PDB file of N, CA and C in Angstrom:
ATOM      1  N   UNK A   1      -6.287 -95.844  73.399  1.00  0.00           N
ATOM      2  CA  UNK A   1      -6.787 -94.855  72.488  1.00  0.00           C
ATOM      3  C   UNK A   1      -5.993 -93.572  72.653  1.00  0.00           C
ATOM      4  N   UNK A   2      -5.907 -92.824  71.569  1.00  0.00           N
ATOM      5  CA  UNK A   2      -5.143 -91.588  71.662  1.00  0.00           C
ATOM      6  C   UNK A   2      -6.042 -90.442  72.098  1.00  0.00           C
ATOM      7  N   UNK A   3      -5.409 -89.446  72.606  1.00  0.00           N
ATOM      8  CA  UNK A   3      -6.134 -88.317  73.178  1.00  0.00           C
ATOM      9  C   UNK A   3      -6.130 -87.147  72.194  1.00  0.00           C
ATOM     10  N   UNK A   4      -7.283 -86.518  72.005  1.00  0.00           N
ATOM     11  CA  UNK A   4      -7.391 -85.370  71.123  1.00  0.00           C
ATOM     12  C   UNK A   4      -6.875 -84.151  71.866  1.00  0.00           C
ATOM     13  N   UNK A   5      -5.891 -83.495  71.281  1.00  0.00           N
ATOM     14  CA  UNK A   5      -5.263 -82.377  71.974  1.00  0.00           C
ATOM     15  C   UNK A   5      -5.780 -81.034  71.519  1.00  0.00           C
ATOM     16  N   UNK A   6      -6.110 -80.897  70.270  1.00  0.00           N
ATOM     17  CA  UNK A   6      -6.564 -79.586  69.822  1.00  0.00           C
ATOM     18  C   UNK A   6      -7.709 -79.740  68.815  1.00  0.00           C
ATOM     19  N   UNK A   7      -8.247 -78.625  68.372  1.00  0.00           N
ATOM     20  CA  UNK A   7      -9.372 -78.595  67.446  1.00  0.00           C
ATOM     21  C   UNK A   7      -9.013 -79.164  66.075  1.00  0.00           C
ATOM     22  N   UNK A   8      -7.745 -79.051  65.745  1.00  0.00           N
ATOM     23  CA  UNK A   8      -7.305 -79.550  64.442  1.00  0.00           C
ATOM     24  C   UNK A   8      -7.453 -81.071  64.359  1.00  0.00           C
ATOM     25  N   UNK A   9      -7.079 -81.750  65.408  1.00  0.00           N
ATOM     26  CA  UNK A   9      -7.225 -83.203  65.442  1.00  0.00           C
ATOM     27  C   UNK A   9      -8.693 -83.606  65.424  1.00  0.00           C
ATOM     28  N   UNK A  10      -9.544 -82.843  66.083  1.00  0.00           N
ATOM     29  CA  UNK A  10     -10.978 -83.143  66.091  1.00  0.00           C
ATOM     30  C   UNK A  10     -11.571 -82.985  64.695  1.00  0.00           C
ATOM     31  N   UNK A  11     -11.163 -81.933  64.022  1.00  0.00           N
ATOM     32  CA  UNK A  11     -11.663 -81.737  62.658  1.00  0.00           C
ATOM     33  C   UNK A  11     -11.191 -82.842  61.725  1.00  0.00           C
ATOM     34  N   UNK A  12      -9.960 -83.249  61.907  1.00  0.00           N
ATOM     35  CA  UNK A  12      -9.400 -84.314  61.081  1.00  0.00           C
ATOM     36  C   UNK A  12     -10.148 -85.626  61.317  1.00  0.00           C
ATOM     37  N   UNK A  13     -10.394 -85.949  62.570  1.00  0.00           N
ATOM     38  CA  UNK A  13     -11.131 -87.147  62.903  1.00  0.00           C
ATOM     39  C   UNK A  13     -12.570 -87.070  62.375  1.00  0.00           C
ATOM     40  N   UNK A  14     -13.198 -85.908  62.499  1.00  0.00           N
ATOM     41  CA  UNK A  14     -14.559 -85.718  61.985  1.00  0.00           C
ATOM     42  C   UNK A  14     -14.609 -85.846  60.473  1.00  0.00           C
ATOM     43  N   UNK A  15     -13.595 -85.290  59.812  1.00  0.00           N
ATOM     44  CA  UNK A  15     -13.538 -85.369  58.353  1.00  0.00           C
ATOM     45  C   UNK A  15     -13.444 -86.820  57.895  1.00  0.00           C
ATOM     46  N   UNK A  16     -12.528 -87.575  58.449  1.00  0.00           N
ATOM     47  CA  UNK A  16     -12.347 -88.957  58.021  1.00  0.00           C
ATOM     48  C   UNK A  16     -13.531 -89.834  58.424  1.00  0.00           C
ATOM     49  N   UNK A  17     -14.189 -89.496  59.518  1.00  0.00           N
ATOM     50  CA  UNK A  17     -15.408 -90.214  59.894  1.00  0.00           C
ATOM     51  C   UNK A  17     -16.498 -89.960  58.857  1.00  0.00           C
ATOM     52  N   UNK A  18     -16.613 -88.708  58.424  1.00  0.00           N
ATOM     53  CA  UNK A  18     -17.583 -88.352  57.405  1.00  0.00           C
ATOM     54  C   UNK A  18     -17.265 -89.023  56.073  1.00  0.00           C
ATOM     55  N   UNK A  19     -16.013 -89.062  55.690  1.00  0.00           N
ATOM     56  CA  UNK A  19     -15.597 -89.722  54.455  1.00  0.00           C
ATOM     57  C   UNK A  19     -15.908 -91.215  54.522  1.00  0.00           C
ATOM     58  N   UNK A  20     -15.641 -91.834  55.646  1.00  0.00           N
ATOM     59  CA  UNK A  20     -15.928 -93.257  55.813  1.00  0.00           C
ATOM     60  C   UNK A  20     -17.420 -93.544  55.750  1.00  0.00           C
ATOM     61  N   UNK A  21     -18.223 -92.699  56.390  1.00  0.00           N
ATOM     62  CA  UNK A  21     -19.673 -92.895  56.366  1.00  0.00           C
ATOM     63  C   UNK A  21     -20.221 -92.689  54.955  1.00  0.00           C
ATOM     64  N   UNK A  22     -19.738 -91.668  54.251  1.00  0.00           N
ATOM     65  CA  UNK A  22     -20.185 -91.425  52.882  1.00  0.00           C
ATOM     66  C   UNK A  22     -19.763 -92.569  51.964  1.00  0.00           C
ATOM     67  N   UNK A  23     -18.581 -93.089  52.158  1.00  0.00           N
ATOM     68  CA  UNK A  23     -18.117 -94.225  51.358  1.00  0.00           C
ATOM     69  C   UNK A  23     -18.955 -95.465  51.602  1.00  0.00           C
ATOM     70  N   UNK A  24     -19.258 -95.725  52.867  1.00  0.00           N
ATOM     71  CA  UNK A  24     -20.098 -96.876  53.186  1.00  0.00           C
ATOM     72  C   UNK A  24     -21.495 -96.713  52.590  1.00  0.00           C
ATOM     73  N   UNK A  25     -22.025 -95.498  52.652  1.00  0.00           N
ATOM     74  CA  UNK A  25     -23.334 -95.235  52.078  1.00  0.00           C
ATOM     75  C   UNK A  25     -23.311 -95.410  50.561  1.00  0.00           C
ATOM     76  N   UNK A  26     -22.267 -94.933  49.923  1.00  0.00           N
ATOM     77  CA  UNK A  26     -22.148 -95.056  48.468  1.00  0.00           C
ATOM     78  C   UNK A  26     -22.017 -96.513  48.044  1.00  0.00           C
ATOM     79  N   UNK A  27     -21.378 -97.327  48.854  1.00  0.00           N
ATOM     80  CA  UNK A  27     -21.218 -98.744  48.508  1.00  0.00           C
ATOM     81  C   UNK A  27     -22.512 -99.526  48.661  1.00  0.00           C
ATOM     82  N   UNK A  28     -23.425 -99.058  49.495  1.00  0.00           N
ATOM     83  CA  UNK A  28     -24.661 -99.792  49.724  1.00  0.00           C
ATOM     84  C   UNK A  28     -25.783 -99.357  48.787  1.00  0.00           C
ATOM     85  N   UNK A  29     -25.623 -98.243  48.097  1.00  0.00           N
ATOM     86  CA  UNK A  29     -26.656 -97.788  47.178  1.00  0.00           C
ATOM     87  C   UNK A  29     -26.681 -98.659  45.926  1.00  0.00           C
ATOM     88  N   UNK A  30     -27.864 -98.908  45.403  1.00  0.00           N
ATOM     89  CA  UNK A  30     -28.003 -99.658  44.159  1.00  0.00           C
ATOM     90  C   UNK A  30     -28.560 -98.730  43.093  1.00  0.00           C
ATOM     91  N   UNK A  31     -27.971 -98.734  41.906  1.00  0.00           N
ATOM     92  CA  UNK A  31     -28.451 -97.862  40.827  1.00  0.00           C
ATOM     93  C   UNK A  31     -29.755 -98.401  40.232  1.00  0.00           C
ATOM     94  N   UNK A  32     -30.862 -97.968  40.768  1.00  0.00           N
ATOM     95  CA  UNK A  32     -32.163 -98.482  40.350  1.00  0.00           C
ATOM     96  C   UNK A  32     -32.552 -97.955  38.981  1.00  0.00           C
ATOM     97  N   UNK A  33     -32.384 -96.674  38.743  1.00  0.00           N
ATOM     98  CA  UNK A  33     -32.844 -96.052  37.509  1.00  0.00           C
ATOM     99  C   UNK A  33     -31.738 -95.868  36.481  1.00  0.00           C
ATOM    100  N   UNK A  34     -30.567 -96.366  36.757  1.00  0.00           N
ATOM    101  CA  UNK A  34     -29.450 -96.155  35.841  1.00  0.00           C
ATOM    102  C   UNK A  34     -29.535 -97.120  34.664  1.00  0.00           C
ATOM    103  N   UNK A  35     -29.317 -96.603  33.467  1.00  0.00           N
ATOM    104  CA  UNK A  35     -29.278 -97.418  32.260  1.00  0.00           C
ATOM    105  C   UNK A  35     -27.830 -97.733  31.927  1.00  0.00           C
ATOM    106  N   UNK A  36     -27.634 -98.879  31.361  1.00  0.00           N
ATOM    107  CA  UNK A  36     -26.308 -99.162  30.836  1.00  0.00           C
ATOM    108  C   UNK A  36     -26.189 -98.485  29.479  1.00  0.00           C
ATOM    109  N   UNK A  37     -24.997 -98.446  28.964  1.00  0.00           N
ATOM    110  CA  UNK A  37     -24.780 -97.797  27.677  1.00  0.00           C
ATOM    111  C   UNK A  37     -25.507 -98.560  26.569  1.00  0.00           C
ATOM    112  N   UNK A  38     -25.661 -99.875  26.742  1.00  0.00           N
ATOM    113  CA  UNK A  38     -26.299-100.674  25.709  1.00  0.00           C
ATOM    114  C   UNK A  38     -27.812-100.446  25.680  1.00  0.00           C
ATOM    115  N   UNK A  39     -28.453-100.321  26.843  1.00  0.00           N
ATOM    116  CA  UNK A  39     -29.894-100.061  26.841  1.00  0.00           C
ATOM    117  C   UNK A  39     -30.180 -98.659  26.322  1.00  0.00           C
ATOM    118  N   UNK A  40     -29.339 -97.708  26.656  1.00  0.00           N
ATOM    119  CA  UNK A  40     -29.523 -96.348  26.155  1.00  0.00           C
ATOM    120  C   UNK A  40     -29.326 -96.297  24.637  1.00  0.00           C
ATOM    121  N   UNK A  41     -28.309 -96.981  24.148  1.00  0.00           N
ATOM    122  CA  UNK A  41     -28.052 -97.032  22.707  1.00  0.00           C
ATOM    123  C   UNK A  41     -29.209 -97.717  21.990  1.00  0.00           C
ATOM    124  N   UNK A  42     -29.736 -98.782  22.585  1.00  0.00           N
ATOM    125  CA  UNK A  42     -30.870 -99.489  21.982  1.00  0.00           C
ATOM    126  C   UNK A  42     -32.086 -98.582  21.891  1.00  0.00           C
ATOM    127  N   UNK A  43     -32.336 -97.801  22.934  1.00  0.00           N
ATOM    128  CA  UNK A  43     -33.461 -96.872  22.917  1.00  0.00           C
ATOM    129  C   UNK A  43     -33.287 -95.814  21.827  1.00  0.00           C
ATOM    130  N   UNK A  44     -32.099 -95.279  21.718  1.00  0.00           N
ATOM    131  CA  UNK A  44     -31.819 -94.258  20.702  1.00  0.00           C
ATOM    132  C   UNK A  44     -31.975 -94.842  19.302  1.00  0.00           C
ATOM    133  N   UNK A  45     -31.469 -96.057  19.083  1.00  0.00           N
ATOM    134  CA  UNK A  45     -31.562 -96.661  17.758  1.00  0.00           C
ATOM    135  C   UNK A  45     -33.008 -97.001  17.392  1.00  0.00           C
ATOM    136  N   UNK A  46     -33.801 -97.432  18.369  1.00  0.00           N
ATOM    137  CA  UNK A  46     -35.217 -97.708  18.082  1.00  0.00           C
ATOM    138  C   UNK A  46     -35.939 -96.432  17.686  1.00  0.00           C
ATOM    139  N   UNK A  47     -35.650 -95.348  18.384  1.00  0.00           N
ATOM    140  CA  UNK A  47     -36.274 -94.068  18.059  1.00  0.00           C
ATOM    141  C   UNK A  47     -35.834 -93.590  16.676  1.00  0.00           C
ATOM    142  N   UNK A  48     -34.548 -93.690  16.411  1.00  0.00           N
ATOM    143  CA  UNK A  48     -34.015 -93.275  15.113  1.00  0.00           C
ATOM    144  C   UNK A  48     -34.588 -94.126  13.987  1.00  0.00           C
ATOM    145  N   UNK A  49     -34.678 -95.436  14.200  1.00  0.00           N
ATOM    146  CA  UNK A  49     -35.235 -96.316  13.175  1.00  0.00           C
ATOM    147  C   UNK A  49     -36.710 -96.007  12.940  1.00  0.00           C
ATOM    148  N   UNK A  50     -37.450 -95.735  14.000  1.00  0.00           N
ATOM    149  CA  UNK A  50     -38.866 -95.391  13.843  1.00  0.00           C
ATOM    150  C   UNK A  50     -39.056 -94.133  13.017  1.00  0.00           C
ATOM    151  N   UNK A  51     -38.209 -93.134  13.265  1.00  0.00           N
ATOM    152  CA  UNK A  51     -38.295 -91.906  12.480  1.00  0.00           C
ATOM    153  C   UNK A  51     -37.874 -92.156  11.031  1.00  0.00           C
ATOM    154  N   UNK A  52     -36.847 -92.978  10.832  1.00  0.00           N
ATOM    155  CA  UNK A  52     -36.386 -93.286   9.479  1.00  0.00           C
ATOM    156  C   UNK A  52     -37.472 -94.004   8.680  1.00  0.00           C
ATOM    157  N   UNK A  53     -38.155 -94.957   9.312  1.00  0.00           N
ATOM    158  CA  UNK A  53     -39.220 -95.680   8.613  1.00  0.00           C
ATOM    159  C   UNK A  53     -40.380 -94.741   8.292  1.00  0.00           C
ATOM    160  N   UNK A  54     -40.707 -93.855   9.216  1.00  0.00           N
ATOM    161  CA  UNK A  54     -41.786 -92.889   8.950  1.00  0.00           C
ATOM    162  C   UNK A  54     -41.473 -91.974   7.782  1.00  0.00           C
ATOM    163  N   UNK A  55     -40.257 -91.446   7.770  1.00  0.00           N
ATOM    164  CA  UNK A  55     -39.849 -90.546   6.685  1.00  0.00           C
ATOM    165  C   UNK A  55     -39.757 -91.310   5.365  1.00  0.00           C
ATOM    166  N   UNK A  56     -39.187 -92.520   5.408  1.00  0.00           N
ATOM    167  CA  UNK A  56     -39.046 -93.289   4.161  1.00  0.00           C
ATOM    168  C   UNK A  56     -40.402 -93.693   3.595  1.00  0.00           C
ATOM    169  N   UNK A  57     -41.381 -93.915   4.465  1.00  0.00           N
ATOM    170  CA  UNK A  57     -42.717 -94.243   3.974  1.00  0.00           C
ATOM    171  C   UNK A  57     -43.327 -93.060   3.232  1.00  0.00           C
ATOM    172  N   UNK A  58     -43.174 -91.877   3.793  1.00  0.00           N
ATOM    173  CA  UNK A  58     -43.700 -90.674   3.137  1.00  0.00           C
ATOM    174  C   UNK A  58     -43.006 -90.444   1.797  1.00  0.00           C
ATOM    175  N   UNK A  59     -41.691 -90.577   1.781  1.00  0.00           N
ATOM    176  CA  UNK A  59     -40.942 -90.378   0.541  1.00  0.00           C
ATOM    177  C   UNK A  59     -41.301 -91.455  -0.481  1.00  0.00           C
ATOM    178  N   UNK A  60     -41.436 -92.711  -0.035  1.00  0.00           N
ATOM    179  CA  UNK A  60     -41.769 -93.793  -0.958  1.00  0.00           C
ATOM    180  C   UNK A  60     -43.153 -93.601  -1.565  1.00  0.00           C
ATOM    181  N   UNK A  61     -44.115 -93.187  -0.763  1.00  0.00           N
ATOM    182  CA  UNK A  61     -45.471 -92.954  -1.294  1.00  0.00           C
ATOM    183  C   UNK A  61     -45.464 -91.807  -2.297  1.00  0.00           C
ATOM    184  N   UNK A  62     -44.736 -90.745  -1.980  1.00  0.00           N
ATOM    185  CA  UNK A  62     -44.669 -89.602  -2.895  1.00  0.00           C
ATOM    186  C   UNK A  62     -44.001 -89.995  -4.218  1.00  0.00           C
ATOM    187  N   UNK A  63     -42.860 -90.670  -4.136  1.00  0.00           N
ATOM    188  CA  UNK A  63     -42.151 -91.061  -5.357  1.00  0.00           C
ATOM    189  C   UNK A  63     -42.955 -92.091  -6.152  1.00  0.00           C
ATOM    190  N   UNK A  64     -43.603 -93.018  -5.460  1.00  0.00           N
ATOM    191  CA  UNK A  64     -44.426 -94.005  -6.160  1.00  0.00           C
ATOM    192  C   UNK A  64     -45.618 -93.339  -6.845  1.00  0.00           C
ATOM    193  N   UNK A  65     -46.170 -92.314  -6.208  1.00  0.00           N
ATOM    194  CA  UNK A  65     -47.276 -91.580  -6.833  1.00  0.00           C
ATOM    195  C   UNK A  65     -46.828 -90.900  -8.119  1.00  0.00           C
ATOM    196  N   UNK A  66     -45.660 -90.273  -8.068  1.00  0.00           N
ATOM    197  CA  UNK A  66     -45.134 -89.620  -9.268  1.00  0.00           C
ATOM    198  C   UNK A  66     -44.874 -90.652 -10.363  1.00  0.00           C
ATOM    199  N   UNK A  67     -44.282 -91.803  -9.980  1.00  0.00           N
ATOM    200  CA  UNK A  67     -44.006 -92.846 -10.975  1.00  0.00           C
ATOM    201  C   UNK A  67     -45.299 -93.390 -11.575  1.00  0.00           C
ATOM    202  N   UNK A  68     -46.325 -93.562 -10.751  1.00  0.00           N
ATOM    203  CA  UNK A  68     -47.601 -94.053 -11.276  1.00  0.00           C
ATOM    204  C   UNK A  68     -48.270 -93.041 -12.193  1.00  0.00           C
ATOM    205  N   UNK A  69     -48.177 -91.755 -11.835  1.00  0.00           N
ATOM    206  CA  UNK A  69     -48.759 -90.721 -12.690  1.00  0.00           C
ATOM    207  C   UNK A  69     -48.048 -90.689 -14.043  1.00  0.00           C
ATOM    208  N   UNK A  70     -46.712 -90.753 -14.008  1.00  0.00           N
ATOM    209  CA  UNK A  70     -45.946 -90.781 -15.259  1.00  0.00           C
ATOM    210  C   UNK A  70     -46.321 -92.012 -16.075  1.00  0.00           C
ATOM    211  N   UNK A  71     -46.452 -93.136 -15.405  1.00  0.00           N
ATOM    212  CA  UNK A  71     -46.793 -94.384 -16.100  1.00  0.00           C
ATOM    213  C   UNK A  71     -48.169 -94.318 -16.750  1.00  0.00           C
ATOM    214  N   UNK A  72     -49.116 -93.679 -16.091  1.00  0.00           N
ATOM    215  CA  UNK A  72     -50.478 -93.615 -16.624  1.00  0.00           C
ATOM    216  C   UNK A  72     -50.657 -92.536 -17.683  1.00  0.00           C
ATOM    217  N   UNK A  73     -49.964 -91.417 -17.518  1.00  0.00           N
ATOM    218  CA  UNK A  73     -50.208 -90.270 -18.385  1.00  0.00           C
ATOM    219  C   UNK A  73     -49.315 -90.278 -19.626  1.00  0.00           C
ATOM    220  N   UNK A  74     -48.101 -90.783 -19.500  1.00  0.00           N
ATOM    221  CA  UNK A  74     -47.132 -90.674 -20.586  1.00  0.00           C
ATOM    222  C   UNK A  74     -47.510 -91.538 -21.780  1.00  0.00           C
ATOM    223  N   UNK A  75     -47.210 -90.984 -22.959  1.00  0.00           N
ATOM    224  CA  UNK A  75     -47.440 -91.724 -24.202  1.00  0.00           C
ATOM    225  C   UNK A  75     -46.129 -92.323 -24.723  1.00  0.00           C
ATOM    226  N   UNK A  76     -45.038 -91.926 -24.113  1.00  0.00           N
ATOM    227  CA  UNK A  76     -43.725 -92.423 -24.514  1.00  0.00           C
ATOM    228  C   UNK A  76     -43.473 -93.772 -23.815  1.00  0.00           C
ATOM    229  N   UNK A  77     -43.197 -94.805 -24.568  1.00  0.00           N
ATOM    230  CA  UNK A  77     -43.012 -96.142 -23.995  1.00  0.00           C
ATOM    231  C   UNK A  77     -41.768 -96.210 -23.118  1.00  0.00           C
ATOM    232  N   UNK A  78     -40.740 -95.468 -23.505  1.00  0.00           N
ATOM    233  CA  UNK A  78     -39.511 -95.460 -22.705  1.00  0.00           C
ATOM    234  C   UNK A  78     -39.779 -94.856 -21.330  1.00  0.00           C
ATOM    235  N   UNK A  79     -40.541 -93.781 -21.249  1.00  0.00           N
ATOM    236  CA  UNK A  79     -40.877 -93.153 -19.967  1.00  0.00           C
ATOM    237  C   UNK A  79     -41.726 -94.092 -19.107  1.00  0.00           C
ATOM    238  N   UNK A  80     -42.626 -94.829 -19.769  1.00  0.00           N
ATOM    239  CA  UNK A  80     -43.465 -95.793 -19.035  1.00  0.00           C
ATOM    240  C   UNK A  80     -42.600 -96.910 -18.455  1.00  0.00           C
ATOM    241  N   UNK A  81     -41.644 -97.388 -19.237  1.00  0.00           N
ATOM    242  CA  UNK A  81     -40.742 -98.441 -18.757  1.00  0.00           C
ATOM    243  C   UNK A  81     -39.868 -97.956 -17.609  1.00  0.00           C
ATOM    244  N   UNK A  82     -39.356 -96.727 -17.726  1.00  0.00           N
ATOM    245  CA  UNK A  82     -38.546 -96.153 -16.647  1.00  0.00           C
ATOM    246  C   UNK A  82     -39.367 -95.967 -15.374  1.00  0.00           C
ATOM    247  N   UNK A  83     -40.600 -95.497 -15.521  1.00  0.00           N
ATOM    248  CA  UNK A  83     -41.463 -95.302 -14.352  1.00  0.00           C
ATOM    249  C   UNK A  83     -41.779 -96.636 -13.684  1.00  0.00           C
ATOM    250  N   UNK A  84     -42.004 -97.677 -14.489  1.00  0.00           N
ATOM    251  CA  UNK A  84     -42.246 -99.013 -13.932  1.00  0.00           C
ATOM    252  C   UNK A  84     -41.011 -99.523 -13.198  1.00  0.00           C
ATOM    253  N   UNK A  85     -39.843 -99.286 -13.782  1.00  0.00           N
ATOM    254  CA  UNK A  85     -38.592 -99.692 -13.148  1.00  0.00           C
ATOM    255  C   UNK A  85     -38.403 -98.975 -11.807  1.00  0.00           C
ATOM    256  N   UNK A  86     -38.662 -97.665 -11.789  1.00  0.00           N
ATOM    257  CA  UNK A  86     -38.530 -96.902 -10.547  1.00  0.00           C
ATOM    258  C   UNK A  86     -39.553 -97.352  -9.506  1.00  0.00           C
ATOM    259  N   UNK A  87     -40.734 -97.678  -9.950  1.00  0.00           N
ATOM    260  CA  UNK A  87     -41.771 -98.157  -9.033  1.00  0.00           C
ATOM    261  C   UNK A  87     -41.345 -99.462  -8.364  1.00  0.00           C
ATOM    262  N   UNK A  88     -40.751-100.366  -9.128  1.00  0.00           N
ATOM    263  CA  UNK A  88     -40.254-101.617  -8.549  1.00  0.00           C
ATOM    264  C   UNK A  88     -39.142-101.353  -7.540  1.00  0.00           C
ATOM    265  N   UNK A  89     -38.216-100.470  -7.878  1.00  0.00           N
ATOM    266  CA  UNK A  89     -37.122-100.137  -6.959  1.00  0.00           C
ATOM    267  C   UNK A  89     -37.632 -99.529  -5.662  1.00  0.00           C
ATOM    268  N   UNK A  90     -38.608 -98.646  -5.781  1.00  0.00           N
ATOM    269  CA  UNK A  90     -39.164 -97.989  -4.594  1.00  0.00           C
ATOM    270  C   UNK A  90     -39.820 -99.016  -3.677  1.00  0.00           C
ATOM    271  N   UNK A  91     -40.604 -99.909  -4.256  1.00  0.00           N
ATOM    272  CA  UNK A  91     -41.304-100.915  -3.442  1.00  0.00           C
ATOM    273  C   UNK A  91     -40.312-101.865  -2.780  1.00  0.00           C
ATOM    274  N   UNK A  92     -39.308-102.316  -3.514  1.00  0.00           N
ATOM    275  CA  UNK A  92     -38.315-103.239  -2.949  1.00  0.00           C
ATOM    276  C   UNK A  92     -37.529-102.565  -1.825  1.00  0.00           C
ATOM    277  N   UNK A  93     -37.108-101.330  -2.030  1.00  0.00           N
ATOM    278  CA  UNK A  93     -36.363-100.605  -0.995  1.00  0.00           C
ATOM    279  C   UNK A  93     -37.209-100.376   0.247  1.00  0.00           C
ATOM    280  N   UNK A  94     -38.465-100.017   0.069  1.00  0.00           N
ATOM    281  CA  UNK A  94     -39.348 -99.797   1.211  1.00  0.00           C
ATOM    282  C   UNK A  94     -39.563-101.089   1.991  1.00  0.00           C
ATOM    283  N   UNK A  95     -39.726-102.198   1.292  1.00  0.00           N
ATOM    284  CA  UNK A  95     -39.895-103.494   1.966  1.00  0.00           C
ATOM    285  C   UNK A  95     -38.636-103.868   2.745  1.00  0.00           C
ATOM    286  N   UNK A  96     -37.473-103.635   2.160  1.00  0.00           N
ATOM    287  CA  UNK A  96     -36.207-103.947   2.850  1.00  0.00           C
ATOM    288  C   UNK A  96     -36.060-103.099   4.106  1.00  0.00           C
ATOM    289  N   UNK A  97     -36.328-101.801   4.021  1.00  0.00           N
ATOM    290  CA  UNK A  97     -36.211-100.939   5.205  1.00  0.00           C
ATOM    291  C   UNK A  97     -37.160-101.366   6.318  1.00  0.00           C
ATOM    292  N   UNK A  98     -38.373-101.747   5.982  1.00  0.00           N
ATOM    293  CA  UNK A  98     -39.316-102.169   7.005  1.00  0.00           C
ATOM    294  C   UNK A  98     -38.981-103.554   7.546  1.00  0.00           C
ATOM    295  N   UNK A  99     -38.384-104.405   6.744  1.00  0.00           N
ATOM    296  CA  UNK A  99     -38.027-105.746   7.198  1.00  0.00           C
ATOM    297  C   UNK A  99     -36.831-105.718   8.148  1.00  0.00           C
ATOM    298  N   UNK A 100     -35.950-104.730   8.007  1.00  0.00           N
ATOM    299  CA  UNK A 100     -34.792-104.632   8.903  1.00  0.00           C
ATOM    300  C   UNK A 100     -35.215-104.541  10.360  1.00  0.00           C
ATOM    301  N   UNK A 101     -36.282-103.817  10.633  1.00  0.00           N
ATOM    302  CA  UNK A 101     -36.775-103.700  12.003  1.00  0.00           C
ATOM    303  C   UNK A 101     -37.223-105.033  12.567  1.00  0.00           C
ATOM    304  N   UNK A 102     -37.885-105.822  11.754  1.00  0.00           N
ATOM    305  CA  UNK A 102     -38.315-107.150  12.211  1.00  0.00           C
ATOM    306  C   UNK A 102     -37.121-108.072  12.446  1.00  0.00           C
ATOM    307  N   UNK A 103     -36.126-107.988  11.574  1.00  0.00           N
ATOM    308  CA  UNK A 103     -34.935-108.824  11.733  1.00  0.00           C
ATOM    309  C   UNK A 103     -34.199-108.472  13.021  1.00  0.00           C
ATOM    310  N   UNK A 104     -33.999-107.194  13.264  1.00  0.00           N
ATOM    311  CA  UNK A 104     -33.304-106.757  14.475  1.00  0.00           C
ATOM    312  C   UNK A 104     -34.104-107.138  15.720  1.00  0.00           C
ATOM    313  N   UNK A 105     -35.415-106.972  15.672  1.00  0.00           N
ATOM    314  CA  UNK A 105     -36.245-107.333  16.818  1.00  0.00           C
ATOM    315  C   UNK A 105     -36.196-108.838  17.085  1.00  0.00           C
ATOM    316  N   UNK A 106     -36.047-109.641  16.053  1.00  0.00           N
ATOM    317  CA  UNK A 106     -35.967-111.083  16.223  1.00  0.00           C
ATOM    318  C   UNK A 106     -34.593-111.507  16.727  1.00  0.00           C
ATOM    319  N   UNK A 107     -33.521-110.883  16.221  1.00  0.00           N
ATOM    320  CA  UNK A 107     -32.162-111.283  16.599  1.00  0.00           C
ATOM    321  C   UNK A 107     -31.702-110.711  17.935  1.00  0.00           C
ATOM    322  N   UNK A 108     -32.285-109.613  18.364  1.00  0.00           N
ATOM    323  CA  UNK A 108     -31.825-108.969  19.596  1.00  0.00           C
ATOM    324  C   UNK A 108     -31.905-109.880  20.818  1.00  0.00           C
ATOM    325  N   UNK A 109     -33.006-110.616  21.034  1.00  0.00           N
ATOM    326  CA  UNK A 109     -33.013-111.507  22.207  1.00  0.00           C
ATOM    327  C   UNK A 109     -31.965-112.609  22.129  1.00  0.00           C
ATOM    328  N   UNK A 110     -31.569-113.004  20.919  1.00  0.00           N
ATOM    329  CA  UNK A 110     -30.569-114.065  20.780  1.00  0.00           C
ATOM    330  C   UNK A 110     -29.179-113.613  21.197  1.00  0.00           C
ATOM    331  N   UNK A 111     -28.843-112.346  20.929  1.00  0.00           N
ATOM    332  CA  UNK A 111     -27.485-111.868  21.199  1.00  0.00           C
ATOM    333  C   UNK A 111     -27.436-110.861  22.342  1.00  0.00           C
ATOM    334  N   UNK A 112     -28.504-110.762  23.113  1.00  0.00           N
ATOM    335  CA  UNK A 112     -28.586-109.748  24.168  1.00  0.00           C
ATOM    336  C   UNK A 112     -27.535-110.009  25.249  1.00  0.00           C
ATOM    337  N   UNK A 113     -26.870-108.955  25.644  1.00  0.00           N
ATOM    338  CA  UNK A 113     -25.878-109.036  26.711  1.00  0.00           C
ATOM    339  C   UNK A 113     -24.566-109.664  26.291  1.00  0.00           C
ATOM    340  N   UNK A 114     -24.356-109.855  25.004  1.00  0.00           N
ATOM    341  CA  UNK A 114     -23.106-110.432  24.537  1.00  0.00           C
ATOM    342  C   UNK A 114     -22.959-111.906  24.878  1.00  0.00           C
ATOM    343  N   UNK A 115     -24.047-112.600  25.118  1.00  0.00           N
ATOM    344  CA  UNK A 115     -24.010-114.008  25.503  1.00  0.00           C
ATOM    345  C   UNK A 115     -24.514-114.900  24.374  1.00  0.00           C
ATOM    346  N   UNK A 116     -24.151-114.575  23.167  1.00  0.00           N
ATOM    347  CA  UNK A 116     -24.575-115.372  22.014  1.00  0.00           C
ATOM    348  C   UNK A 116     -23.875-116.716  22.050  1.00  0.00           C
ATOM    349  N   UNK A 117     -24.652-117.777  22.005  1.00  0.00           N
ATOM    350  CA  UNK A 117     -24.068-119.114  22.102  1.00  0.00           C
ATOM    351  C   UNK A 117     -24.041-119.851  20.765  1.00  0.00           C
ATOM    352  N   UNK A 118     -24.572-119.222  19.737  1.00  0.00           N
ATOM    353  CA  UNK A 118     -24.518-119.763  18.393  1.00  0.00           C
ATOM    354  C   UNK A 118     -25.321-120.982  18.252  1.00  0.00           C
TER     355      UNK A 118
END
């Protein structure tokens, strides 16, 4: 073994001992609470989709109410036909937006982790 001659060598040895101990400690730690980028993205998209469905429901109800009022009150047949057409579009769009969530929830377990086997 070599002999420590001055304080500088002792500090150097202490430093590298500390670096080695910290490295060993870092290698043995397990990231318990760490999310992967995919789980974080999934959480963000679920939150965003939930807000989108909530807002679209409010907008769809409001627009459908206006279309129904126009349809009931108007004496012009063209306005009644347009309101009926808009009412159909609103209902179909709202159903599609709400169905997307069910489709994604059904397909996600199939393709989770990039291990889709087809």
